[in-house]
PDB file of N, CA and C in Angstrom:
ATOM      1  N   UNK A   1     175.059 173.182 -45.844  1.00  0.00           N
ATOM      2  CA  UNK A   1     174.926 173.399 -44.418  1.00  0.00           C
ATOM      3  C   UNK A   1     174.659 174.883 -44.176  1.00  0.00           C
ATOM      4  N   UNK A   2     173.617 175.179 -43.400  1.00  0.00           N
ATOM      5  CA  UNK A   2     173.229 176.574 -43.200  1.00  0.00           C
ATOM      6  C   UNK A   2     174.183 177.350 -42.295  1.00  0.00           C
ATOM      7  N   UNK A   3     174.327 178.606 -42.618  1.00  0.00           N
ATOM      8  CA  UNK A   3     175.048 179.539 -41.753  1.00  0.00           C
ATOM      9  C   UNK A   3     174.015 180.294 -40.936  1.00  0.00           C
ATOM     10  N   UNK A   4     174.225 180.323 -39.619  1.00  0.00           N
ATOM     11  CA  UNK A   4     173.331 181.034 -38.714  1.00  0.00           C
ATOM     12  C   UNK A   4     174.075 182.249 -38.175  1.00  0.00           C
ATOM     13  N   UNK A   5     173.477 183.424 -38.348  1.00  0.00           N
ATOM     14  CA  UNK A   5     173.992 184.659 -37.767  1.00  0.00           C
ATOM     15  C   UNK A   5     173.000 185.046 -36.678  1.00  0.00           C
ATOM     16  N   UNK A   6     173.494 185.147 -35.448  1.00  0.00           N
ATOM     17  CA  UNK A   6     172.645 185.393 -34.287  1.00  0.00           C
ATOM     18  C   UNK A   6     173.117 186.654 -33.584  1.00  0.00           C
ATOM     19  N   UNK A   7     172.207 187.619 -33.421  1.00  0.00           N
ATOM     20  CA  UNK A   7     172.510 188.895 -32.764  1.00  0.00           C
ATOM     21  C   UNK A   7     171.844 188.927 -31.393  1.00  0.00           C
ATOM     22  N   UNK A   8     172.605 189.348 -30.395  1.00  0.00           N
ATOM     23  CA  UNK A   8     172.030 189.516 -29.064  1.00  0.00           C
ATOM     24  C   UNK A   8     172.900 190.477 -28.273  1.00  0.00           C
ATOM     25  N   UNK A   9     172.266 191.428 -27.607  1.00  0.00           N
ATOM     26  CA  UNK A   9     172.940 192.378 -26.717  1.00  0.00           C
ATOM     27  C   UNK A   9     174.130 193.058 -27.391  1.00  0.00           C
ATOM     28  N   UNK A  10     173.952 193.443 -28.654  1.00  0.00           N
ATOM     29  CA  UNK A  10     174.997 194.157 -29.367  1.00  0.00           C
ATOM     30  C   UNK A  10     176.127 193.290 -29.886  1.00  0.00           C
ATOM     31  N   UNK A  11     176.045 191.995 -29.698  1.00  0.00           N
ATOM     32  CA  UNK A  11     177.071 191.069 -30.175  1.00  0.00           C
ATOM     33  C   UNK A  11     176.506 190.257 -31.342  1.00  0.00           C
ATOM     34  N   UNK A  12     177.386 189.786 -32.210  1.00  0.00           N
ATOM     35  CA  UNK A  12     176.994 188.938 -33.332  1.00  0.00           C
ATOM     36  C   UNK A  12     177.773 187.638 -33.258  1.00  0.00           C
ATOM     37  N   UNK A  13     177.051 186.535 -33.386  1.00  0.00           N
ATOM     38  CA  UNK A  13     177.638 185.202 -33.344  1.00  0.00           C
ATOM     39  C   UNK A  13     177.277 184.496 -34.646  1.00  0.00           C
ATOM     40  N   UNK A  14     178.260 183.876 -35.279  1.00  0.00           N
ATOM     41  CA  UNK A  14     178.039 183.213 -36.563  1.00  0.00           C
ATOM     42  C   UNK A  14     178.618 181.808 -36.504  1.00  0.00           C
ATOM     43  N   UNK A  15     177.862 180.857 -37.038  1.00  0.00           N
ATOM     44  CA  UNK A  15     178.369 179.488 -37.119  1.00  0.00           C
ATOM     45  C   UNK A  15     177.624 178.731 -38.209  1.00  0.00           C
ATOM     46  N   UNK A  16     178.318 177.801 -38.822  1.00  0.00           N
ATOM     47  CA  UNK A  16     177.705 176.887 -39.774  1.00  0.00           C
ATOM     48  C   UNK A  16     177.197 175.697 -38.973  1.00  0.00           C
ATOM     49  N   UNK A  17     175.951 175.301 -39.225  1.00  0.00           N
ATOM     50  CA  UNK A  17     175.339 174.179 -38.503  1.00  0.00           C
ATOM     51  C   UNK A  17     174.947 173.100 -39.507  1.00  0.00           C
ATOM     52  N   UNK A  18     174.706 171.912 -39.023  1.00  0.00           N
ATOM     53  CA  UNK A  18     174.255 170.823 -39.891  1.00  0.00           C
ATOM     54  C   UNK A  18     172.874 171.125 -40.449  1.00  0.00           C
ATOM     55  N   UNK A  19     172.577 170.563 -41.604  1.00  0.00           N
ATOM     56  CA  UNK A  19     171.265 170.689 -42.199  1.00  0.00           C
ATOM     57  C   UNK A  19     170.223 170.089 -41.252  1.00  0.00           C
ATOM     58  N   UNK A  20     169.039 170.670 -41.223  1.00  0.00           N
ATOM     59  CA  UNK A  20     167.925 170.218 -40.389  1.00  0.00           C
ATOM     60  C   UNK A  20     168.244 170.372 -38.900  1.00  0.00           C
ATOM     61  N   UNK A  21     168.810 171.517 -38.535  1.00  0.00           N
ATOM     62  CA  UNK A  21     169.201 171.815 -37.157  1.00  0.00           C
ATOM     63  C   UNK A  21     168.146 172.651 -36.448  1.00  0.00           C
ATOM     64  N   UNK A  22     167.929 172.343 -35.180  1.00  0.00           N
ATOM     65  CA  UNK A  22     167.075 173.144 -34.311  1.00  0.00           C
ATOM     66  C   UNK A  22     167.989 173.829 -33.297  1.00  0.00           C
ATOM     67  N   UNK A  23     167.969 175.150 -33.242  1.00  0.00           N
ATOM     68  CA  UNK A  23     168.907 175.891 -32.390  1.00  0.00           C
ATOM     69  C   UNK A  23     168.642 175.700 -30.903  1.00  0.00           C
ATOM     70  N   UNK A  24     167.407 175.474 -30.499  1.00  0.00           N
ATOM     71  CA  UNK A  24     167.119 175.238 -29.078  1.00  0.00           C
ATOM     72  C   UNK A  24     167.693 173.885 -28.655  1.00  0.00           C
ATOM     73  N   UNK A  25     167.564 172.881 -29.512  1.00  0.00           N
ATOM     74  CA  UNK A  25     168.162 171.575 -29.210  1.00  0.00           C
ATOM     75  C   UNK A  25     169.668 171.720 -29.063  1.00  0.00           C
ATOM     76  N   UNK A  26     170.295 172.448 -29.984  1.00  0.00           N
ATOM     77  CA  UNK A  26     171.749 172.644 -29.903  1.00  0.00           C
ATOM     78  C   UNK A  26     172.140 173.378 -28.623  1.00  0.00           C
ATOM     79  N   UNK A  27     171.394 174.425 -28.281  1.00  0.00           N
ATOM     80  CA  UNK A  27     171.715 175.170 -27.055  1.00  0.00           C
ATOM     81  C   UNK A  27     171.539 174.277 -25.832  1.00  0.00           C
ATOM     82  N   UNK A  28     170.547 173.406 -25.864  1.00  0.00           N
ATOM     83  CA  UNK A  28     170.309 172.512 -24.744  1.00  0.00           C
ATOM     84  C   UNK A  28     171.435 171.527 -24.495  1.00  0.00           C
ATOM     85  N   UNK A  29     172.181 171.193 -25.544  1.00  0.00           N
ATOM     86  CA  UNK A  29     173.332 170.304 -25.376  1.00  0.00           C
ATOM     87  C   UNK A  29     174.652 171.088 -25.425  1.00  0.00           C
ATOM     88  N   UNK A  30     174.519 172.375 -25.108  1.00  0.00           N
ATOM     89  CA  UNK A  30     175.649 173.291 -24.973  1.00  0.00           C
ATOM     90  C   UNK A  30     176.486 173.434 -26.252  1.00  0.00           C
ATOM     91  N   UNK A  31     175.782 173.536 -27.381  1.00  0.00           N
ATOM     92  CA  UNK A  31     176.408 173.855 -28.650  1.00  0.00           C
ATOM     93  C   UNK A  31     175.843 175.194 -29.116  1.00  0.00           C
ATOM     94  N   UNK A  32     176.444 175.803 -30.128  1.00  0.00           N
ATOM     95  CA  UNK A  32     175.965 177.065 -30.672  1.00  0.00           C
ATOM     96  C   UNK A  32     174.464 177.014 -30.848  1.00  0.00           C
ATOM     97  N   UNK A  33     173.716 178.007 -30.430  1.00  0.00           N
ATOM     98  CA  UNK A  33     174.075 179.321 -29.921  1.00  0.00           C
ATOM     99  C   UNK A  33     174.182 179.419 -28.400  1.00  0.00           C
ATOM    100  N   UNK A  34     174.364 178.312 -27.721  1.00  0.00           N
ATOM    101  CA  UNK A  34     174.577 178.320 -26.271  1.00  0.00           C
ATOM    102  C   UNK A  34     175.816 179.136 -25.960  1.00  0.00           C
ATOM    103  N   UNK A  35     175.878 179.954 -24.916  1.00  0.00           N
ATOM    104  CA  UNK A  35     174.844 180.257 -23.931  1.00  0.00           C
ATOM    105  C   UNK A  35     174.048 181.511 -24.267  1.00  0.00           C
ATOM    106  N   UNK A  36     174.119 181.966 -25.498  1.00  0.00           N
ATOM    107  CA  UNK A  36     173.521 183.258 -25.861  1.00  0.00           C
ATOM    108  C   UNK A  36     172.028 183.217 -26.142  1.00  0.00           C
ATOM    109  N   UNK A  37     171.526 182.104 -26.616  1.00  0.00           N
ATOM    110  CA  UNK A  37     170.106 181.997 -26.918  1.00  0.00           C
ATOM    111  C   UNK A  37     169.311 181.799 -25.637  1.00  0.00           C
ATOM    112  N   UNK A  38     168.344 182.680 -25.414  1.00  0.00           N
ATOM    113  CA  UNK A  38     167.451 182.530 -24.274  1.00  0.00           C
ATOM    114  C   UNK A  38     166.337 181.569 -24.696  1.00  0.00           C
ATOM    115  N   UNK A  39     166.156 180.503 -23.927  1.00  0.00           N
ATOM    116  CA  UNK A  39     165.116 179.515 -24.217  1.00  0.00           C
ATOM    117  C   UNK A  39     164.689 178.880 -22.905  1.00  0.00           C
ATOM    118  N   UNK A  40     163.602 178.098 -22.950  1.00  0.00           N
ATOM    119  CA  UNK A  40     163.138 177.462 -21.728  1.00  0.00           C
ATOM    120  C   UNK A  40     162.543 176.093 -22.027  1.00  0.00           C
ATOM    121  N   UNK A  41     161.295 176.037 -22.472  1.00  0.00           N
ATOM    122  CA  UNK A  41     160.603 174.746 -22.562  1.00  0.00           C
ATOM    123  C   UNK A  41     160.983 173.935 -23.802  1.00  0.00           C
ATOM    124  N   UNK A  42     161.279 174.598 -24.905  1.00  0.00           N
ATOM    125  CA  UNK A  42     161.612 173.898 -26.140  1.00  0.00           C
ATOM    126  C   UNK A  42     160.415 173.266 -26.840  1.00  0.00           C
ATOM    127  N   UNK A  43     159.206 173.564 -26.389  1.00  0.00           N
ATOM    128  CA  UNK A  43     158.017 172.932 -26.947  1.00  0.00           C
ATOM    129  C   UNK A  43     156.988 173.928 -27.469  1.00  0.00           C
ATOM    130  N   UNK A  44     157.343 175.193 -27.579  1.00  0.00           N
ATOM    131  CA  UNK A  44     156.417 176.191 -28.112  1.00  0.00           C
ATOM    132  C   UNK A  44     155.368 176.665 -27.124  1.00  0.00           C
ATOM    133  N   UNK A  45     155.592 176.441 -25.837  1.00  0.00           N
ATOM    134  CA  UNK A  45     154.597 176.820 -24.832  1.00  0.00           C
ATOM    135  C   UNK A  45     154.909 178.118 -24.103  1.00  0.00           C
ATOM    136  N   UNK A  46     156.178 178.561 -24.120  1.00  0.00           N
ATOM    137  CA  UNK A  46     156.554 179.700 -23.271  1.00  0.00           C
ATOM    138  C   UNK A  46     156.957 180.950 -24.042  1.00  0.00           C
ATOM    139  N   UNK A  47     157.349 180.825 -25.295  1.00  0.00           N
ATOM    140  CA  UNK A  47     157.796 181.936 -26.143  1.00  0.00           C
ATOM    141  C   UNK A  47     159.113 182.555 -25.692  1.00  0.00           C
ATOM    142  N   UNK A  48     159.836 181.918 -24.792  1.00  0.00           N
ATOM    143  CA  UNK A  48     161.119 182.442 -24.325  1.00  0.00           C
ATOM    144  C   UNK A  48     162.142 182.516 -25.463  1.00  0.00           C
ATOM    145  N   UNK A  49     162.061 181.603 -26.420  1.00  0.00           N
ATOM    146  CA  UNK A  49     163.035 181.544 -27.515  1.00  0.00           C
ATOM    147  C   UNK A  49     162.652 182.424 -28.704  1.00  0.00           C
ATOM    148  N   UNK A  50     161.639 183.250 -28.559  1.00  0.00           N
ATOM    149  CA  UNK A  50     161.193 184.092 -29.676  1.00  0.00           C
ATOM    150  C   UNK A  50     162.339 184.958 -30.197  1.00  0.00           C
ATOM    151  N   UNK A  51     162.502 184.942 -31.504  1.00  0.00           N
ATOM    152  CA  UNK A  51     163.526 185.759 -32.180  1.00  0.00           C
ATOM    153  C   UNK A  51     162.876 186.414 -33.394  1.00  0.00           C
ATOM    154  N   UNK A  52     163.436 187.545 -33.777  1.00  0.00           N
ATOM    155  CA  UNK A  52     162.993 188.196 -35.016  1.00  0.00           C
ATOM    156  C   UNK A  52     163.922 187.752 -36.135  1.00  0.00           C
ATOM    157  N   UNK A  53     163.352 187.279 -37.217  1.00  0.00           N
ATOM    158  CA  UNK A  53     164.128 186.828 -38.365  1.00  0.00           C
ATOM    159  C   UNK A  53     164.489 188.053 -39.200  1.00  0.00           C
ATOM    160  N   UNK A  54     165.774 188.300 -39.346  1.00  0.00           N
ATOM    161  CA  UNK A  54     166.259 189.436 -40.131  1.00  0.00           C
ATOM    162  C   UNK A  54     166.344 189.064 -41.602  1.00  0.00           C
ATOM    163  N   UNK A  55     166.861 187.868 -41.885  1.00  0.00           N
ATOM    164  CA  UNK A  55     166.909 187.386 -43.264  1.00  0.00           C
ATOM    165  C   UNK A  55     166.802 185.866 -43.262  1.00  0.00           C
ATOM    166  N   UNK A  56     166.260 185.348 -44.340  1.00  0.00           N
ATOM    167  CA  UNK A  56     166.093 183.901 -44.485  1.00  0.00           C
ATOM    168  C   UNK A  56     164.689 183.410 -44.208  1.00  0.00           C
ATOM    169  N   UNK A  57     163.777 184.315 -43.877  1.00  0.00           N
ATOM    170  CA  UNK A  57     162.401 183.915 -43.553  1.00  0.00           C
ATOM    171  C   UNK A  57     161.712 183.226 -44.728  1.00  0.00           C
ATOM    172  N   UNK A  58     162.122 183.558 -45.937  1.00  0.00           N
ATOM    173  CA  UNK A  58     161.478 182.967 -47.114  1.00  0.00           C
ATOM    174  C   UNK A  58     161.697 181.466 -47.202  1.00  0.00           C
ATOM    175  N   UNK A  59     162.679 180.939 -46.473  1.00  0.00           N
ATOM    176  CA  UNK A  59     162.969 179.507 -46.493  1.00  0.00           C
ATOM    177  C   UNK A  59     162.315 178.760 -45.334  1.00  0.00           C
ATOM    178  N   UNK A  60     161.619 179.472 -44.472  1.00  0.00           N
ATOM    179  CA  UNK A  60     160.984 178.841 -43.319  1.00  0.00           C
ATOM    180  C   UNK A  60     159.549 178.437 -43.651  1.00  0.00           C
ATOM    181  N   UNK A  61     159.057 177.387 -42.997  1.00  0.00           N
ATOM    182  CA  UNK A  61     157.649 177.033 -43.202  1.00  0.00           C
ATOM    183  C   UNK A  61     156.757 178.091 -42.562  1.00  0.00           C
ATOM    184  N   UNK A  62     155.488 178.115 -42.932  1.00  0.00           N
ATOM    185  CA  UNK A  62     154.569 179.048 -42.276  1.00  0.00           C
ATOM    186  C   UNK A  62     154.521 178.776 -40.769  1.00  0.00           C
ATOM    187  N   UNK A  63     154.205 179.795 -40.009  1.00  0.00           N
ATOM    188  CA  UNK A  63     154.101 179.651 -38.555  1.00  0.00           C
ATOM    189  C   UNK A  63     153.056 178.593 -38.217  1.00  0.00           C
ATOM    190  N   UNK A  64     153.390 177.732 -37.257  1.00  0.00           N
ATOM    191  CA  UNK A  64     152.448 176.698 -36.844  1.00  0.00           C
ATOM    192  C   UNK A  64     151.492 177.248 -35.782  1.00  0.00           C
ATOM    193  N   UNK A  65     150.575 176.430 -35.311  1.00  0.00           N
ATOM    194  CA  UNK A  65     149.558 176.889 -34.359  1.00  0.00           C
ATOM    195  C   UNK A  65     150.169 177.335 -33.040  1.00  0.00           C
ATOM    196  N   UNK A  66     151.269 176.713 -32.627  1.00  0.00           N
ATOM    197  CA  UNK A  66     151.916 177.122 -31.376  1.00  0.00           C
ATOM    198  C   UNK A  66     152.479 178.531 -31.501  1.00  0.00           C
ATOM    199  N   UNK A  67     153.122 178.803 -32.640  1.00  0.00           N
ATOM    200  CA  UNK A  67     153.670 180.137 -32.869  1.00  0.00           C
ATOM    201  C   UNK A  67     152.555 181.171 -32.960  1.00  0.00           C
ATOM    202  N   UNK A  68     151.489 180.838 -33.641  1.00  0.00           N
ATOM    203  CA  UNK A  68     150.364 181.770 -33.763  1.00  0.00           C
ATOM    204  C   UNK A  68     149.774 182.083 -32.396  1.00  0.00           C
ATOM    205  N   UNK A  69     149.643 181.069 -31.547  1.00  0.00           N
ATOM    206  CA  UNK A  69     149.088 181.269 -30.215  1.00  0.00           C
ATOM    207  C   UNK A  69     150.011 182.124 -29.352  1.00  0.00           C
ATOM    208  N   UNK A  70     151.302 181.853 -29.363  1.00  0.00           N
ATOM    209  CA  UNK A  70     152.254 182.552 -28.500  1.00  0.00           C
ATOM    210  C   UNK A  70     152.638 183.938 -29.014  1.00  0.00           C
ATOM    211  N   UNK A  71     152.761 184.086 -30.311  1.00  0.00           N
ATOM    212  CA  UNK A  71     153.285 185.337 -30.867  1.00  0.00           C
ATOM    213  C   UNK A  71     152.212 186.267 -31.422  1.00  0.00           C
ATOM    214  N   UNK A  72     151.091 185.736 -31.822  1.00  0.00           N
ATOM    215  CA  UNK A  72     150.012 186.565 -32.353  1.00  0.00           C
ATOM    216  C   UNK A  72     150.473 187.447 -33.497  1.00  0.00           C
ATOM    217  N   UNK A  73     150.191 188.740 -33.387  1.00  0.00           N
ATOM    218  CA  UNK A  73     150.529 189.698 -34.446  1.00  0.00           C
ATOM    219  C   UNK A  73     152.033 189.889 -34.629  1.00  0.00           C
ATOM    220  N   UNK A  74     152.829 189.481 -33.664  1.00  0.00           N
ATOM    221  CA  UNK A  74     154.284 189.638 -33.788  1.00  0.00           C
ATOM    222  C   UNK A  74     154.857 188.794 -34.929  1.00  0.00           C
ATOM    223  N   UNK A  75     154.117 187.792 -35.357  1.00  0.00           N
ATOM    224  CA  UNK A  75     154.553 187.003 -36.507  1.00  0.00           C
ATOM    225  C   UNK A  75     154.691 187.915 -37.720  1.00  0.00           C
ATOM    226  N   UNK A  76     153.756 188.848 -37.876  1.00  0.00           N
ATOM    227  CA  UNK A  76     153.816 189.796 -38.992  1.00  0.00           C
ATOM    228  C   UNK A  76     155.033 190.715 -38.891  1.00  0.00           C
ATOM    229  N   UNK A  77     155.599 190.874 -37.695  1.00  0.00           N
ATOM    230  CA  UNK A  77     156.805 191.689 -37.497  1.00  0.00           C
ATOM    231  C   UNK A  77     158.070 190.859 -37.671  1.00  0.00           C
ATOM    232  N   UNK A  78     157.920 189.584 -38.023  1.00  0.00           N
ATOM    233  CA  UNK A  78     159.070 188.735 -38.300  1.00  0.00           C
ATOM    234  C   UNK A  78     159.501 187.844 -37.154  1.00  0.00           C
ATOM    235  N   UNK A  79     158.730 187.793 -36.083  1.00  0.00           N
ATOM    236  CA  UNK A  79     159.095 186.944 -34.944  1.00  0.00           C
ATOM    237  C   UNK A  79     158.701 185.500 -35.192  1.00  0.00           C
ATOM    238  N   UNK A  80     159.546 184.596 -34.720  1.00  0.00           N
ATOM    239  CA  UNK A  80     159.272 183.161 -34.771  1.00  0.00           C
ATOM    240  C   UNK A  80     159.768 182.522 -33.475  1.00  0.00           C
ATOM    241  N   UNK A  81     159.222 181.367 -33.147  1.00  0.00           N
ATOM    242  CA  UNK A  81     159.721 180.580 -32.023  1.00  0.00           C
ATOM    243  C   UNK A  81     160.808 179.663 -32.560  1.00  0.00           C
ATOM    244  N   UNK A  82     162.030 179.881 -32.143  1.00  0.00           N
ATOM    245  CA  UNK A  82     163.168 179.136 -32.677  1.00  0.00           C
ATOM    246  C   UNK A  82     163.044 177.646 -32.367  1.00  0.00           C
ATOM    247  N   UNK A  83     162.386 177.302 -31.269  1.00  0.00           N
ATOM    248  CA  UNK A  83     162.222 175.882 -30.925  1.00  0.00           C
ATOM    249  C   UNK A  83     161.366 175.139 -31.940  1.00  0.00           C
ATOM    250  N   UNK A  84     160.602 175.860 -32.731  1.00  0.00           N
ATOM    251  CA  UNK A  84     159.716 175.243 -33.706  1.00  0.00           C
ATOM    252  C   UNK A  84     160.324 175.180 -35.106  1.00  0.00           C
ATOM    253  N   UNK A  85     161.564 175.628 -35.260  1.00  0.00           N
ATOM    254  CA  UNK A  85     162.185 175.715 -36.581  1.00  0.00           C
ATOM    255  C   UNK A  85     163.339 174.733 -36.732  1.00  0.00           C
ATOM    256  N   UNK A  86     163.341 174.015 -37.827  1.00  0.00           N
ATOM    257  CA  UNK A  86     164.434 173.121 -38.203  1.00  0.00           C
ATOM    258  C   UNK A  86     165.059 173.745 -39.445  1.00  0.00           C
ATOM    259  N   UNK A  87     166.292 174.200 -39.324  1.00  0.00           N
ATOM    260  CA  UNK A  87     166.928 175.034 -40.342  1.00  0.00           C
ATOM    261  C   UNK A  87     167.635 174.217 -41.414  1.00  0.00           C
ATOM    262  N   UNK A  88     167.374 174.596 -42.657  1.00  0.00           N
ATOM    263  CA  UNK A  88     168.045 173.980 -43.797  1.00  0.00           C
ATOM    264  C   UNK A  88     168.651 175.022 -44.722  1.00  0.00           C
ATOM    265  N   UNK A  89     168.477 176.307 -44.381  1.00  0.00           N
ATOM    266  CA  UNK A  89     169.001 177.408 -45.190  1.00  0.00           C
ATOM    267  C   UNK A  89     169.617 178.453 -44.260  1.00  0.00           C
ATOM    268  N   UNK A  90     170.430 179.316 -44.839  1.00  0.00           N
ATOM    269  CA  UNK A  90     171.036 180.399 -44.063  1.00  0.00           C
ATOM    270  C   UNK A  90     169.945 181.250 -43.421  1.00  0.00           C
ATOM    271  N   UNK A  91     170.235 181.736 -42.220  1.00  0.00           N
ATOM    272  CA  UNK A  91     169.269 182.556 -41.496  1.00  0.00           C
ATOM    273  C   UNK A  91     170.007 183.549 -40.617  1.00  0.00           C
ATOM    274  N   UNK A  92     169.406 184.719 -40.434  1.00  0.00           N
ATOM    275  CA  UNK A  92     169.934 185.733 -39.529  1.00  0.00           C
ATOM    276  C   UNK A  92     168.817 186.104 -38.563  1.00  0.00           C
ATOM    277  N   UNK A  93     169.124 186.033 -37.262  1.00  0.00           N
ATOM    278  CA  UNK A  93     168.136 186.232 -36.201  1.00  0.00           C
ATOM    279  C   UNK A  93     168.620 187.233 -35.181  1.00  0.00           C
ATOM    280  N   UNK A  94     167.679 187.856 -34.494  1.00  0.00           N
ATOM    281  CA  UNK A  94     168.031 188.682 -33.350  1.00  0.00           C
ATOM    282  C   UNK A  94     167.098 188.344 -32.193  1.00  0.00           C
ATOM    283  N   UNK A  95     167.649 188.378 -31.011  1.00  0.00           N
ATOM    284  CA  UNK A  95     166.852 188.146 -29.803  1.00  0.00           C
ATOM    285  C   UNK A  95     167.064 189.297 -28.832  1.00  0.00           C
ATOM    286  N   UNK A  96     167.292 190.492 -29.366  1.00  0.00           N
ATOM    287  CA  UNK A  96     167.507 191.670 -28.529  1.00  0.00           C
ATOM    288  C   UNK A  96     166.228 192.143 -27.843  1.00  0.00           C
ATOM    289  N   UNK A  97     165.095 191.922 -28.476  1.00  0.00           N
ATOM    290  CA  UNK A  97     163.825 192.352 -27.890  1.00  0.00           C
ATOM    291  C   UNK A  97     162.914 191.141 -27.851  1.00  0.00           C
ATOM    292  N   UNK A  98     162.662 190.631 -26.673  1.00  0.00           N
ATOM    293  CA  UNK A  98     161.790 189.463 -26.539  1.00  0.00           C
ATOM    294  C   UNK A  98     160.340 189.916 -26.484  1.00  0.00           C
ATOM    295  N   UNK A  99     159.506 189.417 -27.406  1.00  0.00           N
ATOM    296  CA  UNK A  99     158.105 189.808 -27.360  1.00  0.00           C
ATOM    297  C   UNK A  99     157.375 189.107 -26.232  1.00  0.00           C
ATOM    298  N   UNK A 100     156.377 189.773 -25.712  1.00  0.00           N
ATOM    299  CA  UNK A 100     155.545 189.161 -24.672  1.00  0.00           C
ATOM    300  C   UNK A 100     154.663 188.084 -25.297  1.00  0.00           C
ATOM    301  N   UNK A 101     154.376 187.063 -24.553  1.00  0.00           N
ATOM    302  CA  UNK A 101     153.527 185.993 -25.051  1.00  0.00           C
ATOM    303  C   UNK A 101     152.111 186.513 -25.291  1.00  0.00           C
ATOM    304  N   UNK A 102     151.506 185.995 -26.316  1.00  0.00           N
ATOM    305  CA  UNK A 102     150.129 186.295 -26.700  1.00  0.00           C
ATOM    306  C   UNK A 102     149.971 187.752 -26.907  1.00  0.00           C
TER     307      UNK A 102
END
């Protein structure tokens, strides 16, 4: 079961989640990382859930077309759309700086 370390506004939140977990889905049903994760559509259309991956990126699939469209060059800086990720490995994320869409 993956451990998720989530940084936001100078605070750090850590929790173990079930394998194959999507953090936006969990926040939507008021589980970790709720209420700290900023999100909106959950479908890769708004980029509100964009986070920078600090560690664990090597276990994530390549960015999909939605992430490429919304994040552009920010993908190279480690940003991903959390709504598009199903976690099976430990990951550390930050949402202190939200990138602008496109």
